[in-house]
Amino acid sequence: HAILEYLARCFPVCTSSDEFHFFPQIPPGNTHWSRWDDFSEESISA
């Protein structure tokens, strides 16, 4: 659950769709619509 919550928080669109096969598909919780997936260098490193 901790892993899925982390991925859903950092990558909300990728984890909501089956289009991105290398992300697990996670049931959406309280969606923050102003948030997009974070592919910054810091996010990828983390």
All heavy atoms as atom14 arrays in JSON, in Angstrom:
{
  "sequence": "HAILEYLARCFPVCTSSDEFHFFPQIPPGNTHWSRWDDFSEESISA",
  "atom14_mask": [
    [1, 1, 1, 1, 1, 1, 1, 1, 1, 1, 0, 0, 0, 0],
    [1, 1, 1, 1, 1, 0, 0, 0, 0, 0, 0, 0, 0, 0],
    [1, 1, 1, 1, 1, 1, 1, 1, 0, 0, 0, 0, 0, 0],
    [1, 1, 1, 1, 1, 1, 1, 1, 0, 0, 0, 0, 0, 0],
    [1, 1, 1, 1, 1, 1, 1, 1, 1, 0, 0, 0, 0, 0],
    [1, 1, 1, 1, 1, 1, 1, 1, 1, 1, 1, 1, 0, 0],
    [1, 1, 1, 1, 1, 1, 1, 1, 0, 0, 0, 0, 0, 0],
    [1, 1, 1, 1, 1, 0, 0, 0, 0, 0, 0, 0, 0, 0],
    [1, 1, 1, 1, 1, 1, 1, 1, 1, 1, 1, 0, 0, 0],
    [1, 1, 1, 1, 1, 1, 0, 0, 0, 0, 0, 0, 0, 0],
    [1, 1, 1, 1, 1, 1, 1, 1, 1, 1, 1, 0, 0, 0],
    [1, 1, 1, 1, 1, 1, 1, 0, 0, 0, 0, 0, 0, 0],
    [1, 1, 1, 1, 1, 1, 1, 0, 0, 0, 0, 0, 0, 0],
    [1, 1, 1, 1, 1, 1, 0, 0, 0, 0, 0, 0, 0, 0],
    [1, 1, 1, 1, 1, 1, 1, 0, 0, 0, 0, 0, 0, 0],
    [1, 1, 1, 1, 1, 1, 0, 0, 0, 0, 0, 0, 0, 0],
    [1, 1, 1, 1, 1, 1, 0, 0, 0, 0, 0, 0, 0, 0],
    [1, 1, 1, 1, 1, 1, 1, 1, 0, 0, 0, 0, 0, 0],
    [1, 1, 1, 1, 1, 1, 1, 1, 1, 0, 0, 0, 0, 0],
    [1, 1, 1, 1, 1, 1, 1, 1, 1, 1, 1, 0, 0, 0],
    [1, 1, 1, 1, 1, 1, 1, 1, 1, 1, 0, 0, 0, 0],
    [1, 1, 1, 1, 1, 1, 1, 1, 1, 1, 1, 0, 0, 0],
    [1, 1, 1, 1, 1, 1, 1, 1, 1, 1, 1, 0, 0, 0],
    [1, 1, 1, 1, 1, 1, 1, 0, 0, 0, 0, 0, 0, 0],
    [1, 1, 1, 1, 1, 1, 1, 1, 1, 0, 0, 0, 0, 0],
    [1, 1, 1, 1, 1, 1, 1, 1, 0, 0, 0, 0, 0, 0],
    [1, 1, 1, 1, 1, 1, 1, 0, 0, 0, 0, 0, 0, 0],
    [1, 1, 1, 1, 1, 1, 1, 0, 0, 0, 0, 0, 0, 0],
    [1, 1, 1, 1, 0, 0, 0, 0, 0, 0, 0, 0, 0, 0],
    [1, 1, 1, 1, 1, 1, 1, 1, 0, 0, 0, 0, 0, 0],
    [1, 1, 1, 1, 1, 1, 1, 0, 0, 0, 0, 0, 0, 0],
    [1, 1, 1, 1, 1, 1, 1, 1, 1, 1, 0, 0, 0, 0],
    [1, 1, 1, 1, 1, 1, 1, 1, 1, 1, 1, 1, 1, 1],
    [1, 1, 1, 1, 1, 1, 0, 0, 0, 0, 0, 0, 0, 0],
    [1, 1, 1, 1, 1, 1, 1, 1, 1, 1, 1, 0, 0, 0],
    [1, 1, 1, 1, 1, 1, 1, 1, 1, 1, 1, 1, 1, 1],
    [1, 1, 1, 1, 1, 1, 1, 1, 0, 0, 0, 0, 0, 0],
    [1, 1, 1, 1, 1, 1, 1, 1, 0, 0, 0, 0, 0, 0],
    [1, 1, 1, 1, 1, 1, 1, 1, 1, 1, 1, 0, 0, 0],
    [1, 1, 1, 1, 1, 1, 0, 0, 0, 0, 0, 0, 0, 0],
    [1, 1, 1, 1, 1, 1, 1, 1, 1, 0, 0, 0, 0, 0],
    [1, 1, 1, 1, 1, 1, 1, 1, 1, 0, 0, 0, 0, 0],
    [1, 1, 1, 1, 1, 1, 0, 0, 0, 0, 0, 0, 0, 0],
    [1, 1, 1, 1, 1, 1, 1, 1, 0, 0, 0, 0, 0, 0],
    [1, 1, 1, 1, 1, 1, 0, 0, 0, 0, 0, 0, 0, 0],
    [1, 1, 1, 1, 1, 0, 0, 0, 0, 0, 0, 0, 0, 0]
  ],
  "atom14_positions": [
    [[0.83, -1.21, 0.0], [0.0, 0.0, 0.0], [0.86, 1.26, 0.0], [0.55, 2.24, -0.68], [-0.93, -0.01, 1.21], [-2.17, -0.83, 1.02], [-3.12, -0.53, 0.08], [-2.6, -1.96, 1.64], [-4.09, -1.43, 0.12], [-3.79, -2.31, 1.06], [0.0, 0.0, 0.0], [0.0, 0.0, 0.0], [0.0, 0.0, 0.0], [0.0, 0.0, 0.0]],
    [[1.96, 1.23, 0.76], [2.85, 2.39, 0.8], [3.48, 2.66, -0.56], [3.59, 3.81, -1.01], [3.95, 2.17, 1.85], [0.0, 0.0, 0.0], [0.0, 0.0, 0.0], [0.0, 0.0, 0.0], [0.0, 0.0, 0.0], [0.0, 0.0, 0.0], [0.0, 0.0, 0.0], [0.0, 0.0, 0.0], [0.0, 0.0, 0.0], [0.0, 0.0, 0.0]],
    [[3.85, 1.6, -1.26], [4.44, 1.75, -2.59], [3.42, 2.32, -3.57], [3.71, 3.25, -4.33], [4.97, 0.38, -3.1], [6.16, -0.06, -2.26], [5.34, 0.45, -4.58], [6.61, -1.48, -2.53], [0.0, 0.0, 0.0], [0.0, 0.0, 0.0], [0.0, 0.0, 0.0], [0.0, 0.0, 0.0], [0.0, 0.0, 0.0], [0.0, 0.0, 0.0]],
    [[2.22, 1.76, -3.55], [1.19, 2.23, -4.48], [0.8, 3.68, -4.2], [0.56, 4.46, -5.14], [-0.03, 1.32, -4.4], [0.18, -0.14, -4.85], [-1.11, -0.93, -4.72], [0.71, -0.21, -6.27], [0.0, 0.0, 0.0], [0.0, 0.0, 0.0], [0.0, 0.0, 0.0], [0.0, 0.0, 0.0], [0.0, 0.0, 0.0], [0.0, 0.0, 0.0]],
    [[0.72, 4.06, -2.94], [0.4, 5.44, -2.59], [1.48, 6.4, -3.1], [1.18, 7.49, -3.61], [0.23, 5.57, -1.08], [-1.06, 4.96, -0.56], [-1.15, 5.03, 0.95], [-0.22, 5.59, 1.58], [-2.15, 4.53, 1.51], [0.0, 0.0, 0.0], [0.0, 0.0, 0.0], [0.0, 0.0, 0.0], [0.0, 0.0, 0.0], [0.0, 0.0, 0.0]],
    [[2.72, 6.0, -2.97], [3.84, 6.82, -3.46], [3.74, 7.02, -4.97], [3.85, 8.14, -5.47], [5.16, 6.15, -3.09], [6.39, 6.91, -3.54], [7.07, 7.77, -2.67], [6.91, 6.76, -4.83], [8.21, 8.46, -3.07], [8.04, 7.44, -5.24], [8.68, 8.29, -4.36], [9.81, 8.97, -4.76], [0.0, 0.0, 0.0], [0.0, 0.0, 0.0]],
    [[3.53, 5.93, -5.7], [3.46, 6.0, -7.16], [2.25, 6.82, -7.62], [2.35, 7.61, -8.56], [3.42, 4.6, -7.76], [4.66, 3.74, -7.54], [4.45, 2.33, -8.11], [5.89, 4.37, -8.18], [0.0, 0.0, 0.0], [0.0, 0.0, 0.0], [0.0, 0.0, 0.0], [0.0, 0.0, 0.0], [0.0, 0.0, 0.0], [0.0, 0.0, 0.0]],
    [[1.11, 6.63, -6.95], [-0.09, 7.37, -7.33], [0.07, 8.86, -7.06], [-0.47, 9.69, -7.79], [-1.3, 6.82, -6.58], [0.0, 0.0, 0.0], [0.0, 0.0, 0.0], [0.0, 0.0, 0.0], [0.0, 0.0, 0.0], [0.0, 0.0, 0.0], [0.0, 0.0, 0.0], [0.0, 0.0, 0.0], [0.0, 0.0, 0.0], [0.0, 0.0, 0.0]],
    [[0.81, 9.21, -6.02], [1.02, 10.62, -5.69], [1.96, 11.29, -6.69], [1.72, 12.42, -7.12], [1.58, 10.74, -4.27], [1.76, 12.18, -3.8], [2.16, 12.24, -2.34], [3.46, 11.63, -2.08], [3.65, 10.46, -1.5], [2.6, 9.74, -1.1], [4.86, 9.97, -1.31], [0.0, 0.0, 0.0], [0.0, 0.0, 0.0], [0.0, 0.0, 0.0]],
    [[3.02, 10.59, -7.07], [4.02, 11.18, -7.99], [3.61, 11.07, -9.46], [4.0, 11.91, -10.26], [5.38, 10.5, -7.79], [6.1, 10.75, -6.16], [0.0, 0.0, 0.0], [0.0, 0.0, 0.0], [0.0, 0.0, 0.0], [0.0, 0.0, 0.0], [0.0, 0.0, 0.0], [0.0, 0.0, 0.0], [0.0, 0.0, 0.0], [0.0, 0.0, 0.0]],
    [[2.83, 10.03, -9.8], [2.47, 9.78, -11.2], [0.97, 9.48, -11.29], [0.57, 8.36, -11.62], [3.31, 8.63, -11.75], [4.78, 8.78, -11.53], [5.41, 8.14, -10.47], [5.54, 9.59, -12.36], [6.77, 8.29, -10.25], [6.91, 9.75, -12.15], [7.52, 9.1, -11.08], [0.0, 0.0, 0.0], [0.0, 0.0, 0.0], [0.0, 0.0, 0.0]],
    [[0.13, 10.48, -11.02], [-1.31, 10.23, -10.92], [-1.95, 9.79, -12.23], [-2.91, 9.0, -12.2], [-1.87, 11.59, -10.47], [-0.84, 12.59, -10.86], [0.47, 11.9, -10.74], [0.0, 0.0, 0.0], [0.0, 0.0, 0.0], [0.0, 0.0, 0.0], [0.0, 0.0, 0.0], [0.0, 0.0, 0.0], [0.0, 0.0, 0.0], [0.0, 0.0, 0.0]],
    [[-1.47, 10.28, -13.37], [-2.09, 9.89, -14.65], [-1.59, 8.52, -15.09], [-2.37, 7.67, -15.51], [-1.83, 10.95, -15.73], [-2.45, 10.52, -17.06], [-2.4, 12.3, -15.31], [0.0, 0.0, 0.0], [0.0, 0.0, 0.0], [0.0, 0.0, 0.0], [0.0, 0.0, 0.0], [0.0, 0.0, 0.0], [0.0, 0.0, 0.0], [0.0, 0.0, 0.0]],
    [[-0.29, 8.31, -15.02], [0.28, 7.03, -15.45], [-0.29, 5.86, -14.67], [-0.5, 4.77, -15.22], [1.8, 7.04, -15.31], [2.66, 8.0, -16.6], [0.0, 0.0, 0.0], [0.0, 0.0, 0.0], [0.0, 0.0, 0.0], [0.0, 0.0, 0.0], [0.0, 0.0, 0.0], [0.0, 0.0, 0.0], [0.0, 0.0, 0.0], [0.0, 0.0, 0.0]],
    [[-0.56, 6.06, -13.39], [-1.09, 4.97, -12.58], [-2.61, 4.84, -12.66], [-3.17, 3.89, -12.13], [-0.69, 5.15, -11.09], [-1.12, 6.44, -10.64], [0.81, 5.02, -10.92], [0.0, 0.0, 0.0], [0.0, 0.0, 0.0], [0.0, 0.0, 0.0], [0.0, 0.0, 0.0], [0.0, 0.0, 0.0], [0.0, 0.0, 0.0], [0.0, 0.0, 0.0]],
    [[-3.25, 5.79, -13.35], [-4.71, 5.71, -13.48], [-5.14, 5.05, -14.78], [-6.32, 4.82, -15.0], [-5.32, 7.12, -13.42], [-5.03, 7.85, -14.61], [0.0, 0.0, 0.0], [0.0, 0.0, 0.0], [0.0, 0.0, 0.0], [0.0, 0.0, 0.0], [0.0, 0.0, 0.0], [0.0, 0.0, 0.0], [0.0, 0.0, 0.0], [0.0, 0.0, 0.0]],
    [[-4.18, 4.75, -15.67], [-4.52, 4.28, -17.01], [-3.73, 3.02, -17.35], [-2.6, 2.83, -16.89], [-4.2, 5.38, -18.03], [-4.28, 4.88, -19.35], [0.0, 0.0, 0.0], [0.0, 0.0, 0.0], [0.0, 0.0, 0.0], [0.0, 0.0, 0.0], [0.0, 0.0, 0.0], [0.0, 0.0, 0.0], [0.0, 0.0, 0.0], [0.0, 0.0, 0.0]],
    [[-4.32, 2.16, -18.18], [-3.61, 0.98, -18.64], [-2.72, 1.28, -19.85], [-2.1, 0.39, -20.42], [-4.59, -0.15, -18.98], [-5.52, 0.21, -20.14], [-5.51, 1.38, -20.58], [-6.27, -0.66, -20.59], [0.0, 0.0, 0.0], [0.0, 0.0, 0.0], [0.0, 0.0, 0.0], [0.0, 0.0, 0.0], [0.0, 0.0, 0.0], [0.0, 0.0, 0.0]],
    [[-2.65, 2.54, -20.26], [-1.82, 2.93, -21.4], [-0.33, 2.82, -21.09], [0.48, 2.59, -21.98], [-2.16, 4.37, -21.8], [-1.46, 4.85, -23.05], [-1.95, 4.15, -24.3], [-3.15, 3.87, -24.4], [-1.12, 3.87, -25.19], [0.0, 0.0, 0.0], [0.0, 0.0, 0.0], [0.0, 0.0, 0.0], [0.0, 0.0, 0.0], [0.0, 0.0, 0.0]],
    [[0.03, 2.92, -19.82], [1.44, 2.93, -19.42], [1.73, 1.61, -18.72], [1.62, 1.5, -17.5], [1.72, 4.13, -18.52], [1.19, 5.42, -19.11], [-0.06, 5.91, -18.74], [1.92, 6.11, -20.06], [-0.56, 7.08, -19.29], [1.41, 7.28, -20.62], [0.18, 7.76, -20.24], [0.0, 0.0, 0.0], [0.0, 0.0, 0.0], [0.0, 0.0, 0.0]],
    [[2.11, 0.62, -19.51], [2.14, -0.76, -19.03], [3.14, -1.0, -17.92], [3.01, -1.94, -17.15], [2.44, -1.7, -20.2], [3.8, -1.47, -20.81], [4.01, -0.5, -21.75], [4.99, -2.05, -20.57], [5.29, -0.51, -22.1], [5.9, -1.42, -21.41], [0.0, 0.0, 0.0], [0.0, 0.0, 0.0], [0.0, 0.0, 0.0], [0.0, 0.0, 0.0]],
    [[4.18, -0.14, -17.8], [5.19, -0.4, -16.79], [4.84, 0.24, -15.45], [5.59, 0.09, -14.48], [6.57, 0.08, -17.26], [6.58, 1.46, -17.88], [6.79, 2.57, -17.1], [6.4, 1.61, -19.24], [6.8, 3.84, -17.66], [6.42, 2.88, -19.81], [6.62, 4.0, -19.02], [0.0, 0.0, 0.0], [0.0, 0.0, 0.0], [0.0, 0.0, 0.0]],
    [[3.72, 0.94, -15.37], [3.21, 1.42, -14.09], [2.06, 0.52, -13.65], [1.23, 0.13, -14.47], [2.67, 2.85, -14.22], [3.72, 3.92, -14.13], [4.29, 4.44, -15.27], [4.13, 4.41, -12.9], [5.26, 5.43, -15.2], [5.09, 5.4, -12.81], [5.67, 5.91, -13.96], [0.0, 0.0, 0.0], [0.0, 0.0, 0.0], [0.0, 0.0, 0.0]],
    [[1.99, 0.19, -12.36], [0.79, -0.54, -11.89], [-0.43, 0.36, -11.97], [-0.33, 1.57, -11.77], [1.15, -0.87, -10.43], [2.13, 0.17, -10.02], [2.92, 0.49, -11.27], [0.0, 0.0, 0.0], [0.0, 0.0, 0.0], [0.0, 0.0, 0.0], [0.0, 0.0, 0.0], [0.0, 0.0, 0.0], [0.0, 0.0, 0.0], [0.0, 0.0, 0.0]],
    [[-1.56, -0.22, -12.33], [-2.8, 0.56, -12.4], [-3.43, 0.59, -11.01], [-3.72, -0.45, -10.42], [-3.77, -0.02, -13.41], [-4.93, 0.9, -13.71], [-5.82, 0.37, -14.84], [-5.5, -0.62, -15.46], [-6.93, 1.02, -15.07], [0.0, 0.0, 0.0], [0.0, 0.0, 0.0], [0.0, 0.0, 0.0], [0.0, 0.0, 0.0], [0.0, 0.0, 0.0]],
    [[-3.63, 1.8, -10.48], [-4.02, 1.98, -9.1], [-5.37, 2.69, -9.04], [-5.55, 3.72, -9.7], [-2.97, 2.8, -8.33], [-1.59, 2.11, -8.44], [-3.35, 3.0, -6.88], [-0.45, 2.97, -7.96], [0.0, 0.0, 0.0], [0.0, 0.0, 0.0], [0.0, 0.0, 0.0], [0.0, 0.0, 0.0], [0.0, 0.0, 0.0], [0.0, 0.0, 0.0]],
    [[-6.31, 2.16, -8.26], [-7.6, 2.86, -8.12], [-7.39, 4.28, -7.6], [-6.67, 4.47, -6.62], [-8.36, 2.0, -7.1], [-7.71, 0.66, -7.17], [-6.27, 0.91, -7.5], [0.0, 0.0, 0.0], [0.0, 0.0, 0.0], [0.0, 0.0, 0.0], [0.0, 0.0, 0.0], [0.0, 0.0, 0.0], [0.0, 0.0, 0.0], [0.0, 0.0, 0.0]],
    [[-7.97, 5.28, -8.27], [-7.77, 6.66, -7.82], [-8.44, 6.93, -6.49], [-9.53, 6.42, -6.22], [-8.41, 7.48, -8.95], [-9.43, 6.56, -9.54], [-8.87, 5.18, -9.42], [0.0, 0.0, 0.0], [0.0, 0.0, 0.0], [0.0, 0.0, 0.0], [0.0, 0.0, 0.0], [0.0, 0.0, 0.0], [0.0, 0.0, 0.0], [0.0, 0.0, 0.0]],
    [[-7.78, 7.73, -5.67], [-8.37, 8.14, -4.41], [-8.95, 9.53, -4.55], [-9.71, 9.81, -5.47], [0.0, 0.0, 0.0], [0.0, 0.0, 0.0], [0.0, 0.0, 0.0], [0.0, 0.0, 0.0], [0.0, 0.0, 0.0], [0.0, 0.0, 0.0], [0.0, 0.0, 0.0], [0.0, 0.0, 0.0], [0.0, 0.0, 0.0], [0.0, 0.0, 0.0]],
    [[-8.57, 10.43, -3.66], [-8.99, 11.83, -3.76], [-8.08, 12.53, -4.77], [-6.96, 12.94, -4.43], [-8.93, 12.51, -2.39], [-9.91, 11.9, -1.41], [-11.01, 11.52, -1.79], [-9.51, 11.77, -0.16], [0.0, 0.0, 0.0], [0.0, 0.0, 0.0], [0.0, 0.0, 0.0], [0.0, 0.0, 0.0], [0.0, 0.0, 0.0], [0.0, 0.0, 0.0]],
    [[-8.54, 12.65, -6.0], [-7.7, 13.17, -7.07], [-7.46, 14.67, -6.9], [-8.39, 15.44, -6.72], [-8.36, 12.92, -8.44], [-8.61, 11.52, -8.58], [-7.44, 13.38, -9.57], [0.0, 0.0, 0.0], [0.0, 0.0, 0.0], [0.0, 0.0, 0.0], [0.0, 0.0, 0.0], [0.0, 0.0, 0.0], [0.0, 0.0, 0.0], [0.0, 0.0, 0.0]],
    [[-6.19, 15.06, -6.94], [-5.82, 16.47, -6.96], [-5.63, 16.86, -8.43], [-4.61, 16.56, -9.05], [-4.52, 16.7, -6.17], [-4.64, 16.35, -4.72], [-5.19, 17.2, -3.79], [-4.3, 15.22, -4.04], [-5.18, 16.63, -2.59], [-4.64, 15.42, -2.72], [0.0, 0.0, 0.0], [0.0, 0.0, 0.0], [0.0, 0.0, 0.0], [0.0, 0.0, 0.0]],
    [[-6.62, 17.52, -8.98], [-6.66, 17.75, -10.42], [-5.59, 18.72, -10.91], [-5.31, 18.8, -12.11], [-8.04, 18.23, -10.84], [-9.07, 17.16, -10.66], [-10.02, 17.08, -9.69], [-9.22, 15.97, -11.45], [-10.76, 15.93, -9.82], [-10.29, 15.23, -10.9], [-8.55, 15.46, -12.57], [-10.71, 14.02, -11.43], [-8.97, 14.26, -13.1], [-10.04, 13.54, -12.54]],
    [[-4.98, 19.47, -10.02], [-3.91, 20.38, -10.44], [-2.56, 19.67, -10.54], [-1.57, 20.28, -10.93], [-3.79, 21.54, -9.44], [-3.47, 21.05, -8.14], [0.0, 0.0, 0.0], [0.0, 0.0, 0.0], [0.0, 0.0, 0.0], [0.0, 0.0, 0.0], [0.0, 0.0, 0.0], [0.0, 0.0, 0.0], [0.0, 0.0, 0.0], [0.0, 0.0, 0.0]],
    [[-2.53, 18.4, -10.19], [-1.26, 17.66, -10.15], [-1.09, 16.82, -11.42], [-1.98, 16.08, -11.82], [-1.23, 16.77, -8.91], [0.07, 15.99, -8.73], [-0.01, 15.12, -7.49], [-0.11, 15.92, -6.28], [-0.53, 15.44, -5.12], [-0.92, 14.18, -5.03], [-0.57, 16.23, -4.06], [0.0, 0.0, 0.0], [0.0, 0.0, 0.0], [0.0, 0.0, 0.0]],
    [[0.08, 16.97, -12.04], [0.48, 16.13, -13.17], [1.63, 15.23, -12.74], [2.25, 15.45, -11.7], [0.91, 16.99, -14.36], [-0.22, 17.68, -15.06], [-0.72, 18.92, -14.79], [-1.0, 17.17, -16.14], [-1.76, 19.23, -15.62], [-1.96, 18.18, -16.48], [-1.0, 15.98, -16.87], [-2.89, 18.01, -17.5], [-1.92, 15.82, -17.89], [-2.85, 16.83, -18.2]],
    [[1.96, 14.26, -13.55], [3.05, 13.34, -13.26], [4.39, 14.09, -13.26], [4.63, 14.93, -14.12], [3.08, 12.21, -14.29], [1.77, 11.43, -14.29], [0.7, 12.05, -14.37], [1.82, 10.2, -14.22], [0.0, 0.0, 0.0], [0.0, 0.0, 0.0], [0.0, 0.0, 0.0], [0.0, 0.0, 0.0], [0.0, 0.0, 0.0], [0.0, 0.0, 0.0]],
    [[5.22, 13.76, -12.3], [6.48, 14.48, -12.09], [7.65, 13.67, -12.62], [8.07, 12.68, -12.0], [6.65, 14.76, -10.59], [7.9, 15.58, -10.29], [8.61, 15.97, -11.25], [8.16, 15.84, -9.11], [0.0, 0.0, 0.0], [0.0, 0.0, 0.0], [0.0, 0.0, 0.0], [0.0, 0.0, 0.0], [0.0, 0.0, 0.0], [0.0, 0.0, 0.0]],
    [[8.17, 14.09, -13.78], [9.33, 13.43, -14.37], [10.56, 14.33, -14.31], [11.44, 14.25, -15.16], [9.04, 13.01, -15.81], [8.09, 11.85, -15.9], [6.74, 12.05, -16.08], [8.55, 10.55, -15.77], [5.86, 10.99, -16.15], [7.68, 9.48, -15.84], [6.33, 9.69, -16.02], [0.0, 0.0, 0.0], [0.0, 0.0, 0.0], [0.0, 0.0, 0.0]],
    [[10.62, 15.16, -13.28], [11.81, 15.98, -13.08], [12.99, 15.09, -12.7], [12.82, 13.93, -12.27], [11.57, 17.01, -11.98], [11.35, 16.36, -10.74], [0.0, 0.0, 0.0], [0.0, 0.0, 0.0], [0.0, 0.0, 0.0], [0.0, 0.0, 0.0], [0.0, 0.0, 0.0], [0.0, 0.0, 0.0], [0.0, 0.0, 0.0], [0.0, 0.0, 0.0]],
    [[14.18, 15.62, -12.85], [15.38, 14.85, -12.51], [15.35, 14.41, -11.04], [15.73, 13.28, -10.71], [16.62, 15.69, -12.78], [17.93, 14.96, -12.55], [19.14, 15.8, -12.88], [18.95, 16.89, -13.47], [20.27, 15.38, -12.56], [0.0, 0.0, 0.0], [0.0, 0.0, 0.0], [0.0, 0.0, 0.0], [0.0, 0.0, 0.0], [0.0, 0.0, 0.0]],
    [[14.87, 15.31, -10.17], [14.8, 14.98, -8.75], [13.81, 13.85, -8.49], [14.08, 12.94, -7.69], [14.4, 16.22, -7.95], [15.38, 17.37, -8.0], [15.3, 18.16, -9.3], [14.3, 17.98, -10.04], [16.23, 18.95, -9.56], [0.0, 0.0, 0.0], [0.0, 0.0, 0.0], [0.0, 0.0, 0.0], [0.0, 0.0, 0.0], [0.0, 0.0, 0.0]],
    [[12.66, 13.89, -9.16], [11.65, 12.86, -8.98], [12.13, 11.51, -9.48], [11.92, 10.48, -8.82], [10.36, 13.26, -9.69], [9.4, 12.22, -9.61], [0.0, 0.0, 0.0], [0.0, 0.0, 0.0], [0.0, 0.0, 0.0], [0.0, 0.0, 0.0], [0.0, 0.0, 0.0], [0.0, 0.0, 0.0], [0.0, 0.0, 0.0], [0.0, 0.0, 0.0]],
    [[12.78, 11.49, -10.64], [13.29, 10.23, -11.2], [14.37, 9.64, -10.31], [14.41, 8.43, -10.05], [13.82, 10.46, -12.63], [12.69, 10.87, -13.56], [14.51, 9.21, -13.15], [11.57, 9.86, -13.67], [0.0, 0.0, 0.0], [0.0, 0.0, 0.0], [0.0, 0.0, 0.0], [0.0, 0.0, 0.0], [0.0, 0.0, 0.0], [0.0, 0.0, 0.0]],
    [[15.26, 10.5, -9.81], [16.31, 10.02, -8.91], [15.72, 9.45, -7.63], [16.14, 8.39, -7.14], [17.27, 11.18, -8.59], [18.26, 10.77, -7.67], [0.0, 0.0, 0.0], [0.0, 0.0, 0.0], [0.0, 0.0, 0.0], [0.0, 0.0, 0.0], [0.0, 0.0, 0.0], [0.0, 0.0, 0.0], [0.0, 0.0, 0.0], [0.0, 0.0, 0.0]],
    [[14.71, 10.13, -7.09], [14.07, 9.66, -5.87], [13.36, 8.33, -6.1], [13.41, 7.42, -5.26], [13.08, 10.71, -5.36], [0.0, 0.0, 0.0], [0.0, 0.0, 0.0], [0.0, 0.0, 0.0], [0.0, 0.0, 0.0], [0.0, 0.0, 0.0], [0.0, 0.0, 0.0], [0.0, 0.0, 0.0], [0.0, 0.0, 0.0], [0.0, 0.0, 0.0]]
  ]
}
